[in-house]
Amino acid sequence: MTQPNPPSSTAAKSASTVWWKLLVPVAIGVVLWLLPPPSGLSPKAWHMFAIFVATIAGIITAPMPMPMPMLAVAIIGATAAATLTGVIGFEDVVKSMDTDLVWWLFSRTITARAMA
């Protein structure tokens, strides 16, 4: 009688890879957030820099498989983090959506995605 094959470790390996890719940007952001700002830089500007670097690190590590949802999550996450921590005001976030350029870029992205 043969014994059943042990469960493959690929699922566990991929799950640990995803957690690693998720934790690296968060760790970078937290470390930069807690460091004192350089002289001549306000704490708000330093915190915005920490969120920016964490967002770029999240895009580089790519914990999500598809580019468009990953970028959307990264941008929405960065905006939420900046707003909830008080680095930028909600009025500034809403005001930035008022320009035609934002909607033009959005429509071009959706059109390009539909044609691909």
PDB file of N, CA and C in Angstrom:
ATOM      1  N   MET A   1       0.839  -1.164   0.000  1.00  0.00           N
ATOM      2  CA  MET A   1       0.000   0.000   0.000  1.00  0.00           C
ATOM      3  C   MET A   1       0.893   1.239   0.000  1.00  0.00           C
ATOM      4  N   THR A   2       0.600   2.162  -0.882  1.00  0.00           N
ATOM      5  CA  THR A   2       1.421   3.362  -0.954  1.00  0.00           C
ATOM      6  C   THR A   2       0.849   4.441  -0.051  1.00  0.00           C
ATOM      7  N   GLN A   3       1.746   5.214   0.464  1.00  0.00           N
ATOM      8  CA  GLN A   3       1.330   6.314   1.332  1.00  0.00           C
ATOM      9  C   GLN A   3       1.009   7.533   0.477  1.00  0.00           C
ATOM     10  N   PRO A   4       0.040   8.301   0.885  1.00  0.00           N
ATOM     11  CA  PRO A   4      -0.278   9.500   0.109  1.00  0.00           C
ATOM     12  C   PRO A   4       0.889  10.487   0.172  1.00  0.00           C
ATOM     13  N   ASN A   5       1.012  11.236  -0.898  1.00  0.00           N
ATOM     14  CA  ASN A   5       2.075  12.239  -0.952  1.00  0.00           C
ATOM     15  C   ASN A   5       1.823  13.312   0.101  1.00  0.00           C
ATOM     16  N   PRO A   6       2.882  13.763   0.731  1.00  0.00           N
ATOM     17  CA  PRO A   6       2.693  14.855   1.701  1.00  0.00           C
ATOM     18  C   PRO A   6       2.256  16.116   0.968  1.00  0.00           C
ATOM     19  N   PRO A   7       1.512  16.973   1.639  1.00  0.00           N
ATOM     20  CA  PRO A   7       1.074  18.197   0.976  1.00  0.00           C
ATOM     21  C   PRO A   7       2.276  18.994   0.510  1.00  0.00           C
ATOM     22  N   SER A   8       2.151  19.551  -0.658  1.00  0.00           N
ATOM     23  CA  SER A   8       3.283  20.292  -1.208  1.00  0.00           C
ATOM     24  C   SER A   8       3.503  21.564  -0.406  1.00  0.00           C
ATOM     25  N   SER A   9       4.723  21.953  -0.368  1.00  0.00           N
ATOM     26  CA  SER A   9       5.066  23.150   0.397  1.00  0.00           C
ATOM     27  C   SER A   9       5.009  24.392  -0.469  1.00  0.00           C
ATOM     28  N   THR A  10       4.570  24.259  -1.734  1.00  0.00           N
ATOM     29  CA  THR A  10       4.524  25.436  -2.593  1.00  0.00           C
ATOM     30  C   THR A  10       3.485  26.437  -2.128  1.00  0.00           C
ATOM     31  N   ALA A  11       2.344  25.960  -1.628  1.00  0.00           N
ATOM     32  CA  ALA A  11       1.323  26.893  -1.135  1.00  0.00           C
ATOM     33  C   ALA A  11       1.825  27.644   0.088  1.00  0.00           C
ATOM     34  N   ALA A  12       2.474  26.929   0.998  1.00  0.00           N
ATOM     35  CA  ALA A  12       3.029  27.585   2.183  1.00  0.00           C
ATOM     36  C   ALA A  12       4.152  28.532   1.794  1.00  0.00           C
ATOM     37  N   LYS A  13       4.941  28.130   0.805  1.00  0.00           N
ATOM     38  CA  LYS A  13       6.049  28.978   0.364  1.00  0.00           C
ATOM     39  C   LYS A  13       5.521  30.253  -0.280  1.00  0.00           C
ATOM     40  N   SER A  14       4.497  30.146  -1.112  1.00  0.00           N
ATOM     41  CA  SER A  14       3.959  31.336  -1.760  1.00  0.00           C
ATOM     42  C   SER A  14       3.293  32.260  -0.741  1.00  0.00           C
ATOM     43  N   ALA A  15       2.635  31.706   0.270  1.00  0.00           N
ATOM     44  CA  ALA A  15       2.011  32.534   1.306  1.00  0.00           C
ATOM     45  C   ALA A  15       3.063  33.294   2.101  1.00  0.00           C
ATOM     46  N   SER A  16       4.178  32.629   2.418  1.00  0.00           N
ATOM     47  CA  SER A  16       5.230  33.333   3.158  1.00  0.00           C
ATOM     48  C   SER A  16       5.884  34.396   2.289  1.00  0.00           C
ATOM     49  N   THR A  17       5.963  34.151   0.976  1.00  0.00           N
ATOM     50  CA  THR A  17       6.519  35.153   0.079  1.00  0.00           C
ATOM     51  C   THR A  17       5.625  36.376   0.029  1.00  0.00           C
ATOM     52  N   VAL A  18       4.323  36.175   0.000  1.00  0.00           N
ATOM     53  CA  VAL A  18       3.392  37.301  -0.028  1.00  0.00           C
ATOM     54  C   VAL A  18       3.489  38.109   1.259  1.00  0.00           C
ATOM     55  N   TRP A  19       3.538  37.436   2.408  1.00  0.00           N
ATOM     56  CA  TRP A  19       3.659  38.166   3.672  1.00  0.00           C
ATOM     57  C   TRP A  19       4.942  38.955   3.733  1.00  0.00           C
ATOM     58  N   TRP A  20       6.023  38.380   3.232  1.00  0.00           N
ATOM     59  CA  TRP A  20       7.307  39.085   3.224  1.00  0.00           C
ATOM     60  C   TRP A  20       7.208  40.333   2.359  1.00  0.00           C
ATOM     61  N   LYS A  21       6.575  40.179   1.189  1.00  0.00           N
ATOM     62  CA  LYS A  21       6.452  41.319   0.278  1.00  0.00           C
ATOM     63  C   LYS A  21       5.514  42.387   0.825  1.00  0.00           C
ATOM     64  N   LEU A  22       4.576  42.020   1.656  1.00  0.00           N
ATOM     65  CA  LEU A  22       3.688  42.994   2.270  1.00  0.00           C
ATOM     66  C   LEU A  22       4.347  43.708   3.451  1.00  0.00           C
ATOM     67  N   LEU A  23       5.160  42.982   4.205  1.00  0.00           N
ATOM     68  CA  LEU A  23       5.752  43.549   5.411  1.00  0.00           C
ATOM     69  C   LEU A  23       6.916  44.495   5.136  1.00  0.00           C
ATOM     70  N   VAL A  24       7.659  44.268   4.054  1.00  0.00           N
ATOM     71  CA  VAL A  24       8.824  45.120   3.762  1.00  0.00           C
ATOM     72  C   VAL A  24       8.418  46.585   3.583  1.00  0.00           C
ATOM     73  N   PRO A  25       7.433  46.920   2.734  1.00  0.00           N
ATOM     74  CA  PRO A  25       7.064  48.338   2.608  1.00  0.00           C
ATOM     75  C   PRO A  25       6.535  48.947   3.904  1.00  0.00           C
ATOM     76  N   VAL A  26       5.770  48.169   4.651  1.00  0.00           N
ATOM     77  CA  VAL A  26       5.239  48.683   5.922  1.00  0.00           C
ATOM     78  C   VAL A  26       6.386  48.960   6.893  1.00  0.00           C
ATOM     79  N   ALA A  27       7.346  48.044   6.963  1.00  0.00           N
ATOM     80  CA  ALA A  27       8.488  48.235   7.861  1.00  0.00           C
ATOM     81  C   ALA A  27       9.311  49.455   7.457  1.00  0.00           C
ATOM     82  N   ILE A  28       9.533  49.626   6.167  1.00  0.00           N
ATOM     83  CA  ILE A  28      10.289  50.801   5.699  1.00  0.00           C
ATOM     84  C   ILE A  28       9.555  52.078   6.081  1.00  0.00           C
ATOM     85  N   GLY A  29       8.242  52.099   5.864  1.00  0.00           N
ATOM     86  CA  GLY A  29       7.465  53.287   6.203  1.00  0.00           C
ATOM     87  C   GLY A  29       7.479  53.597   7.685  1.00  0.00           C
ATOM     88  N   VAL A  30       7.336  52.576   8.509  1.00  0.00           N
ATOM     89  CA  VAL A  30       7.316  52.788   9.964  1.00  0.00           C
ATOM     90  C   VAL A  30       8.678  53.280  10.455  1.00  0.00           C
ATOM     91  N   VAL A  31       9.746  52.683   9.952  1.00  0.00           N
ATOM     92  CA  VAL A  31      11.092  53.096  10.381  1.00  0.00           C
ATOM     93  C   VAL A  31      11.345  54.543   9.987  1.00  0.00           C
ATOM     94  N   LEU A  32      11.023  54.910   8.745  1.00  0.00           N
ATOM     95  CA  LEU A  32      11.229  56.296   8.329  1.00  0.00           C
ATOM     96  C   LEU A  32      10.337  57.249   9.112  1.00  0.00           C
ATOM     97  N   TRP A  33       9.119  56.828   9.405  1.00  0.00           N
ATOM     98  CA  TRP A  33       8.192  57.672  10.161  1.00  0.00           C
ATOM     99  C   TRP A  33       8.744  57.981  11.545  1.00  0.00           C
ATOM    100  N   LEU A  34       9.353  56.975  12.182  1.00  0.00           N
ATOM    101  CA  LEU A  34       9.833  57.145  13.553  1.00  0.00           C
ATOM    102  C   LEU A  34      11.181  57.853  13.649  1.00  0.00           C
ATOM    103  N   LEU A  35      11.927  57.906  12.553  1.00  0.00           N
ATOM    104  CA  LEU A  35      13.201  58.631  12.579  1.00  0.00           C
ATOM    105  C   LEU A  35      12.938  60.126  12.676  1.00  0.00           C
ATOM    106  N   PRO A  36      13.828  60.856  13.344  1.00  0.00           N
ATOM    107  CA  PRO A  36      13.632  62.314  13.405  1.00  0.00           C
ATOM    108  C   PRO A  36      13.899  62.937  12.032  1.00  0.00           C
ATOM    109  N   PRO A  37      13.142  63.965  11.682  1.00  0.00           N
ATOM    110  CA  PRO A  37      13.347  64.590  10.369  1.00  0.00           C
ATOM    111  C   PRO A  37      14.686  65.315  10.298  1.00  0.00           C
ATOM    112  N   PRO A  38      15.280  65.377   9.110  1.00  0.00           N
ATOM    113  CA  PRO A  38      16.530  66.126   8.961  1.00  0.00           C
ATOM    114  C   PRO A  38      16.309  67.610   9.263  1.00  0.00           C
ATOM    115  N   SER A  39      17.378  68.290   9.584  1.00  0.00           N
ATOM    116  CA  SER A  39      17.247  69.715   9.920  1.00  0.00           C
ATOM    117  C   SER A  39      16.747  70.483   8.697  1.00  0.00           C
ATOM    118  N   GLY A  40      15.841  71.410   8.954  1.00  0.00           N
ATOM    119  CA  GLY A  40      15.266  72.212   7.892  1.00  0.00           C
ATOM    120  C   GLY A  40      14.046  71.578   7.246  1.00  0.00           C
ATOM    121  N   LEU A  41      13.648  70.398   7.680  1.00  0.00           N
ATOM    122  CA  LEU A  41      12.486  69.718   7.113  1.00  0.00           C
ATOM    123  C   LEU A  41      11.436  69.570   8.201  1.00  0.00           C
ATOM    124  N   SER A  42      10.218  69.949   7.889  1.00  0.00           N
ATOM    125  CA  SER A  42       9.151  69.858   8.894  1.00  0.00           C
ATOM    126  C   SER A  42       8.768  68.395   9.119  1.00  0.00           C
ATOM    127  N   PRO A  43       8.246  68.082  10.292  1.00  0.00           N
ATOM    128  CA  PRO A  43       7.808  66.704  10.540  1.00  0.00           C
ATOM    129  C   PRO A  43       6.739  66.223   9.556  1.00  0.00           C
ATOM    130  N   LYS A  44       5.832  67.130   9.136  1.00  0.00           N
ATOM    131  CA  LYS A  44       4.816  66.740   8.154  1.00  0.00           C
ATOM    132  C   LYS A  44       5.454  66.346   6.828  1.00  0.00           C
ATOM    133  N   ALA A  45       6.427  67.091   6.387  1.00  0.00           N
ATOM    134  CA  ALA A  45       7.121  66.770   5.133  1.00  0.00           C
ATOM    135  C   ALA A  45       7.868  65.442   5.257  1.00  0.00           C
ATOM    136  N   TRP A  46       8.468  65.191   6.409  1.00  0.00           N
ATOM    137  CA  TRP A  46       9.180  63.928   6.622  1.00  0.00           C
ATOM    138  C   TRP A  46       8.208  62.742   6.620  1.00  0.00           C
ATOM    139  N   HIS A  47       7.050  62.934   7.224  1.00  0.00           N
ATOM    140  CA  HIS A  47       6.047  61.872   7.245  1.00  0.00           C
ATOM    141  C   HIS A  47       5.502  61.607   5.838  1.00  0.00           C
ATOM    142  N   MET A  48       5.331  62.666   5.049  1.00  0.00           N
ATOM    143  CA  MET A  48       4.906  62.476   3.657  1.00  0.00           C
ATOM    144  C   MET A  48       5.975  61.710   2.883  1.00  0.00           C
ATOM    145  N   PHE A  49       7.237  62.000   3.147  1.00  0.00           N
ATOM    146  CA  PHE A  49       8.338  61.269   2.509  1.00  0.00           C
ATOM    147  C   PHE A  49       8.306  59.793   2.911  1.00  0.00           C
ATOM    148  N   ALA A  50       8.027  59.508   4.176  1.00  0.00           N
ATOM    149  CA  ALA A  50       7.959  58.118   4.638  1.00  0.00           C
ATOM    150  C   ALA A  50       6.840  57.366   3.919  1.00  0.00           C
ATOM    151  N   ILE A  51       5.688  58.007   3.765  1.00  0.00           N
ATOM    152  CA  ILE A  51       4.581  57.370   3.053  1.00  0.00           C
ATOM    153  C   ILE A  51       4.946  57.165   1.588  1.00  0.00           C
ATOM    154  N   PHE A  52       5.590  58.140   0.980  1.00  0.00           N
ATOM    155  CA  PHE A  52       6.000  58.034  -0.420  1.00  0.00           C
ATOM    156  C   PHE A  52       6.976  56.881  -0.631  1.00  0.00           C
ATOM    157  N   VAL A  53       8.000  56.789   0.209  1.00  0.00           N
ATOM    158  CA  VAL A  53       8.996  55.722   0.073  1.00  0.00           C
ATOM    159  C   VAL A  53       8.368  54.354   0.322  1.00  0.00           C
ATOM    160  N   ALA A  54       7.470  54.265   1.293  1.00  0.00           N
ATOM    161  CA  ALA A  54       6.786  52.994   1.552  1.00  0.00           C
ATOM    162  C   ALA A  54       5.918  52.593   0.360  1.00  0.00           C
ATOM    163  N   THR A  55       5.277  53.564  -0.278  1.00  0.00           N
ATOM    164  CA  THR A  55       4.471  53.270  -1.462  1.00  0.00           C
ATOM    165  C   THR A  55       5.335  52.764  -2.608  1.00  0.00           C
ATOM    166  N   ILE A  56       6.462  53.416  -2.849  1.00  0.00           N
ATOM    167  CA  ILE A  56       7.378  52.977  -3.910  1.00  0.00           C
ATOM    168  C   ILE A  56       7.919  51.590  -3.586  1.00  0.00           C
ATOM    169  N   ALA A  57       8.252  51.336  -2.333  1.00  0.00           N
ATOM    170  CA  ALA A  57       8.730  49.997  -1.945  1.00  0.00           C
ATOM    171  C   ALA A  57       7.645  48.955  -2.168  1.00  0.00           C
ATOM    172  N   GLY A  58       6.390  49.309  -1.909  1.00  0.00           N
ATOM    173  CA  GLY A  58       5.289  48.385  -2.160  1.00  0.00           C
ATOM    174  C   GLY A  58       5.101  48.094  -3.637  1.00  0.00           C
ATOM    175  N   ILE A  59       5.314  49.098  -4.476  1.00  0.00           N
ATOM    176  CA  ILE A  59       5.209  48.872  -5.921  1.00  0.00           C
ATOM    177  C   ILE A  59       6.363  48.004  -6.405  1.00  0.00           C
ATOM    178  N   ILE A  60       7.555  48.198  -5.843  1.00  0.00           N
ATOM    179  CA  ILE A  60       8.725  47.412  -6.262  1.00  0.00           C
ATOM    180  C   ILE A  60       8.598  45.962  -5.816  1.00  0.00           C
ATOM    181  N   THR A  61       8.173  45.725  -4.576  1.00  0.00           N
ATOM    182  CA  THR A  61       8.081  44.343  -4.101  1.00  0.00           C
ATOM    183  C   THR A  61       6.918  43.594  -4.726  1.00  0.00           C
ATOM    184  N   ALA A  62       5.916  44.305  -5.224  1.00  0.00           N
ATOM    185  CA  ALA A  62       4.780  43.743  -5.956  1.00  0.00           C
ATOM    186  C   ALA A  62       4.153  42.540  -5.252  1.00  0.00           C
ATOM    187  N   PRO A  63       3.502  42.745  -4.109  1.00  0.00           N
ATOM    188  CA  PRO A  63       2.869  41.612  -3.433  1.00  0.00           C
ATOM    189  C   PRO A  63       1.622  41.104  -4.144  1.00  0.00           C
ATOM    190  N   MET A  64       1.072  41.890  -5.052  1.00  0.00           N
ATOM    191  CA  MET A  64      -0.105  41.469  -5.806  1.00  0.00           C
ATOM    192  C   MET A  64       0.310  41.131  -7.236  1.00  0.00           C
ATOM    193  N   PRO A  65      -0.348  40.174  -7.871  1.00  0.00           N
ATOM    194  CA  PRO A  65       0.111  39.702  -9.170  1.00  0.00           C
ATOM    195  C   PRO A  65      -0.135  40.646 -10.340  1.00  0.00           C
ATOM    196  N   MET A  66      -1.252  41.342 -10.381  1.00  0.00           N
ATOM    197  CA  MET A  66      -1.561  42.159 -11.550  1.00  0.00           C
ATOM    198  C   MET A  66      -1.160  43.605 -11.325  1.00  0.00           C
ATOM    199  N   PRO A  67      -0.627  44.284 -12.358  1.00  0.00           N
ATOM    200  CA  PRO A  67      -0.137  45.650 -12.160  1.00  0.00           C
ATOM    201  C   PRO A  67      -1.216  46.675 -11.824  1.00  0.00           C
ATOM    202  N   MET A  68      -2.341  46.675 -12.518  1.00  0.00           N
ATOM    203  CA  MET A  68      -3.339  47.718 -12.273  1.00  0.00           C
ATOM    204  C   MET A  68      -3.958  47.649 -10.880  1.00  0.00           C
ATOM    205  N   PRO A  69      -4.423  46.489 -10.412  1.00  0.00           N
ATOM    206  CA  PRO A  69      -4.957  46.461  -9.044  1.00  0.00           C
ATOM    207  C   PRO A  69      -3.899  46.783  -8.002  1.00  0.00           C
ATOM    208  N   MET A  70      -2.658  46.344  -8.245  1.00  0.00           N
ATOM    209  CA  MET A  70      -1.598  46.622  -7.283  1.00  0.00           C
ATOM    210  C   MET A  70      -1.352  48.124  -7.185  1.00  0.00           C
ATOM    211  N   LEU A  71      -1.301  48.804  -8.321  1.00  0.00           N
ATOM    212  CA  LEU A  71      -1.091  50.249  -8.290  1.00  0.00           C
ATOM    213  C   LEU A  71      -2.265  50.967  -7.634  1.00  0.00           C
ATOM    214  N   ALA A  72      -3.471  50.497  -7.902  1.00  0.00           N
ATOM    215  CA  ALA A  72      -4.645  51.108  -7.288  1.00  0.00           C
ATOM    216  C   ALA A  72      -4.606  50.963  -5.772  1.00  0.00           C
ATOM    217  N   VAL A  73      -4.270  49.770  -5.301  1.00  0.00           N
ATOM    218  CA  VAL A  73      -4.180  49.541  -3.857  1.00  0.00           C
ATOM    219  C   VAL A  73      -3.079  50.403  -3.254  1.00  0.00           C
ATOM    220  N   ALA A  74      -1.939  50.506  -3.942  1.00  0.00           N
ATOM    221  CA  ALA A  74      -0.827  51.310  -3.428  1.00  0.00           C
ATOM    222  C   ALA A  74      -1.210  52.783  -3.336  1.00  0.00           C
ATOM    223  N   ILE A  75      -1.848  53.300  -4.365  1.00  0.00           N
ATOM    224  CA  ILE A  75      -2.215  54.721  -4.371  1.00  0.00           C
ATOM    225  C   ILE A  75      -3.309  55.005  -3.352  1.00  0.00           C
ATOM    226  N   ILE A  76      -4.318  54.160  -3.301  1.00  0.00           N
ATOM    227  CA  ILE A  76      -5.395  54.366  -2.328  1.00  0.00           C
ATOM    228  C   ILE A  76      -4.857  54.215  -0.903  1.00  0.00           C
ATOM    229  N   GLY A  77      -3.980  53.245  -0.694  1.00  0.00           N
ATOM    230  CA  GLY A  77      -3.380  53.056   0.628  1.00  0.00           C
ATOM    231  C   GLY A  77      -2.539  54.240   1.062  1.00  0.00           C
ATOM    232  N   ALA A  78      -1.749  54.768   0.144  1.00  0.00           N
ATOM    233  CA  ALA A  78      -0.914  55.929   0.469  1.00  0.00           C
ATOM    234  C   ALA A  78      -1.777  57.152   0.768  1.00  0.00           C
ATOM    235  N   THR A  79      -2.817  57.348  -0.025  1.00  0.00           N
ATOM    236  CA  THR A  79      -3.716  58.485   0.206  1.00  0.00           C
ATOM    237  C   THR A  79      -4.440  58.345   1.540  1.00  0.00           C
ATOM    238  N   ALA A  80      -4.903  57.142   1.840  1.00  0.00           N
ATOM    239  CA  ALA A  80      -5.582  56.912   3.120  1.00  0.00           C
ATOM    240  C   ALA A  80      -4.628  57.110   4.284  1.00  0.00           C
ATOM    241  N   ALA A  81      -3.403  56.604   4.152  1.00  0.00           N
ATOM    242  CA  ALA A  81      -2.427  56.759   5.234  1.00  0.00           C
ATOM    243  C   ALA A  81      -2.107  58.231   5.459  1.00  0.00           C
ATOM    244  N   ALA A  82      -1.913  58.972   4.389  1.00  0.00           N
ATOM    245  CA  ALA A  82      -1.590  60.392   4.530  1.00  0.00           C
ATOM    246  C   ALA A  82      -2.757  61.170   5.126  1.00  0.00           C
ATOM    247  N   THR A  83      -3.963  60.813   4.748  1.00  0.00           N
ATOM    248  CA  THR A  83      -5.137  61.519   5.261  1.00  0.00           C
ATOM    249  C   THR A  83      -5.415  61.159   6.719  1.00  0.00           C
ATOM    250  N   LEU A  84      -5.361  59.863   7.037  1.00  0.00           N
ATOM    251  CA  LEU A  84      -5.684  59.428   8.403  1.00  0.00           C
ATOM    252  C   LEU A  84      -4.640  59.876   9.424  1.00  0.00           C
ATOM    253  N   THR A  85      -3.396  60.027   9.005  1.00  0.00           N
ATOM    254  CA  THR A  85      -2.360  60.466   9.935  1.00  0.00           C
ATOM    255  C   THR A  85      -2.269  61.982  10.027  1.00  0.00           C
ATOM    256  N   GLY A  86      -3.042  62.691   9.214  1.00  0.00           N
ATOM    257  CA  GLY A  86      -3.049  64.140   9.283  1.00  0.00           C
ATOM    258  C   GLY A  86      -1.932  64.804   8.505  1.00  0.00           C
ATOM    259  N   VAL A  87      -1.225  64.056   7.671  1.00  0.00           N
ATOM    260  CA  VAL A  87      -0.154  64.659   6.875  1.00  0.00           C
ATOM    261  C   VAL A  87      -0.746  65.597   5.831  1.00  0.00           C
ATOM    262  N   ILE A  88      -1.834  65.190   5.197  1.00  0.00           N
ATOM    263  CA  ILE A  88      -2.562  66.066   4.291  1.00  0.00           C
ATOM    264  C   ILE A  88      -4.032  66.047   4.687  1.00  0.00           C
ATOM    265  N   GLY A  89      -4.716  67.111   4.362  1.00  0.00           N
ATOM    266  CA  GLY A  89      -6.129  67.199   4.705  1.00  0.00           C
ATOM    267  C   GLY A  89      -7.003  66.536   3.654  1.00  0.00           C
ATOM    268  N   PHE A  90      -8.190  66.142   4.061  1.00  0.00           N
ATOM    269  CA  PHE A  90      -9.127  65.505   3.141  1.00  0.00           C
ATOM    270  C   PHE A  90      -9.520  66.466   2.022  1.00  0.00           C
ATOM    271  N   GLU A  91      -9.589  67.762   2.327  1.00  0.00           N
ATOM    272  CA  GLU A  91      -9.938  68.760   1.316  1.00  0.00           C
ATOM    273  C   GLU A  91      -8.906  68.769   0.190  1.00  0.00           C
ATOM    274  N   ASP A  92      -7.626  68.606   0.536  1.00  0.00           N
ATOM    275  CA  ASP A  92      -6.581  68.578  -0.484  1.00  0.00           C
ATOM    276  C   ASP A  92      -6.699  67.347  -1.377  1.00  0.00           C
ATOM    277  N   VAL A  93      -7.080  66.223  -0.795  1.00  0.00           N
ATOM    278  CA  VAL A  93      -7.255  65.003  -1.585  1.00  0.00           C
ATOM    279  C   VAL A  93      -8.417  65.175  -2.555  1.00  0.00           C
ATOM    280  N   VAL A  94      -9.522  65.695  -2.078  1.00  0.00           N
ATOM    281  CA  VAL A  94     -10.700  65.866  -2.929  1.00  0.00           C
ATOM    282  C   VAL A  94     -10.440  66.936  -3.987  1.00  0.00           C
ATOM    283  N   LYS A  95      -9.716  67.975  -3.616  1.00  0.00           N
ATOM    284  CA  LYS A  95      -9.433  69.065  -4.550  1.00  0.00           C
ATOM    285  C   LYS A  95      -8.602  68.577  -5.734  1.00  0.00           C
ATOM    286  N   SER A  96      -7.730  67.615  -5.516  1.00  0.00           N
ATOM    287  CA  SER A  96      -6.871  67.132  -6.596  1.00  0.00           C
ATOM    288  C   SER A  96      -7.647  66.352  -7.655  1.00  0.00           C
ATOM    289  N   MET A  97      -8.847  65.866  -7.339  1.00  0.00           N
ATOM    290  CA  MET A  97      -9.664  65.130  -8.304  1.00  0.00           C
ATOM    291  C   MET A  97     -10.501  66.059  -9.181  1.00  0.00           C
ATOM    292  N   ASP A  98     -10.381  67.366  -8.971  1.00  0.00           N
ATOM    293  CA  ASP A  98     -11.205  68.326  -9.687  1.00  0.00           C
ATOM    294  C   ASP A  98     -10.641  68.678 -11.063  1.00  0.00           C
ATOM    295  N   THR A  99      -9.420  68.321 -11.362  1.00  0.00           N
ATOM    296  CA  THR A  99      -8.832  68.707 -12.639  1.00  0.00           C
ATOM    297  C   THR A  99      -9.219  67.724 -13.739  1.00  0.00           C
ATOM    298  N   ASP A 100      -9.260  68.210 -14.961  1.00  0.00           N
ATOM    299  CA  ASP A 100      -9.600  67.363 -16.106  1.00  0.00           C
ATOM    300  C   ASP A 100      -8.502  66.348 -16.402  1.00  0.00           C
ATOM    301  N   LEU A 101      -7.257  66.681 -16.070  1.00  0.00           N
ATOM    302  CA  LEU A 101      -6.136  65.791 -16.374  1.00  0.00           C
ATOM    303  C   LEU A 101      -6.282  64.450 -15.668  1.00  0.00           C
ATOM    304  N   VAL A 102      -6.728  64.465 -14.434  1.00  0.00           N
ATOM    305  CA  VAL A 102      -6.900  63.212 -13.684  1.00  0.00           C
ATOM    306  C   VAL A 102      -7.899  62.310 -14.385  1.00  0.00           C
ATOM    307  N   TRP A 103      -9.028  62.854 -14.779  1.00  0.00           N
ATOM    308  CA  TRP A 103     -10.060  62.044 -15.426  1.00  0.00           C
ATOM    309  C   TRP A 103      -9.644  61.631 -16.827  1.00  0.00           C
ATOM    310  N   TRP A 104      -8.868  62.478 -17.523  1.00  0.00           N
ATOM    311  CA  TRP A 104      -8.364  62.110 -18.849  1.00  0.00           C
ATOM    312  C   TRP A 104      -7.427  60.905 -18.736  1.00  0.00           C
ATOM    313  N   LEU A 105      -6.493  60.947 -17.779  1.00  0.00           N
ATOM    314  CA  LEU A 105      -5.576  59.824 -17.580  1.00  0.00           C
ATOM    315  C   LEU A 105      -6.332  58.556 -17.185  1.00  0.00           C
ATOM    316  N   PHE A 106      -7.331  58.708 -16.330  1.00  0.00           N
ATOM    317  CA  PHE A 106      -8.132  57.560 -15.917  1.00  0.00           C
ATOM    318  C   PHE A 106      -8.851  56.940 -17.114  1.00  0.00           C
ATOM    319  N   SER A 107      -9.455  57.769 -17.953  1.00  0.00           N
ATOM    320  CA  SER A 107     -10.180  57.236 -19.114  1.00  0.00           C
ATOM    321  C   SER A 107      -9.222  56.595 -20.111  1.00  0.00           C
ATOM    322  N   ARG A 108      -8.038  57.141 -20.288  1.00  0.00           N
ATOM    323  CA  ARG A 108      -7.034  56.543 -21.191  1.00  0.00           C
ATOM    324  C   ARG A 108      -6.572  55.185 -20.652  1.00  0.00           C
ATOM    325  N   THR A 109      -6.402  55.094 -19.347  1.00  0.00           N
ATOM    326  CA  THR A 109      -5.978  53.823 -18.752  1.00  0.00           C
ATOM    327  C   THR A 109      -7.050  52.760 -18.932  1.00  0.00           C
ATOM    328  N   ILE A 110      -8.295  53.115 -18.691  1.00  0.00           N
ATOM    329  CA  ILE A 110      -9.381  52.155 -18.836  1.00  0.00           C
ATOM    330  C   ILE A 110      -9.524  51.742 -20.300  1.00  0.00           C
ATOM    331  N   THR A 111      -9.403  52.706 -21.237  1.00  0.00           N
ATOM    332  CA  THR A 111      -9.500  52.382 -22.658  1.00  0.00           C
ATOM    333  C   THR A 111      -8.369  51.457 -23.092  1.00  0.00           C
ATOM    334  N   ALA A 112      -7.152  51.753 -22.642  1.00  0.00           N
ATOM    335  CA  ALA A 112      -6.011  50.897 -22.999  1.00  0.00           C
ATOM    336  C   ALA A 112      -6.161  49.493 -22.430  1.00  0.00           C
ATOM    337  N   ARG A 113      -6.685  49.399 -21.236  1.00  0.00           N
ATOM    338  CA  ARG A 113      -6.899  48.095 -20.613  1.00  0.00           C
ATOM    339  C   ARG A 113      -7.980  47.304 -21.352  1.00  0.00           C
ATOM    340  N   ALA A 114      -9.003  47.989 -21.824  1.00  0.00           N
ATOM    341  CA  ALA A 114     -10.083  47.319 -22.557  1.00  0.00           C
ATOM    342  C   ALA A 114      -9.613  46.838 -23.919  1.00  0.00           C
ATOM    343  N   MET A 115      -8.693  47.538 -24.521  1.00  0.00           N
ATOM    344  CA  MET A 115      -8.220  47.168 -25.864  1.00  0.00           C
ATOM    345  C   MET A 115      -7.119  46.119 -25.826  1.00  0.00           C
ATOM    346  N   ALA A 116      -6.536  45.899 -24.665  1.00  0.00           N
ATOM    347  CA  ALA A 116      -5.421  44.933 -24.578  1.00  0.00           C
ATOM    348  C   ALA A 116      -5.895  43.511 -24.589  1.00  0.00           C
TER     349      ALA A 116
END
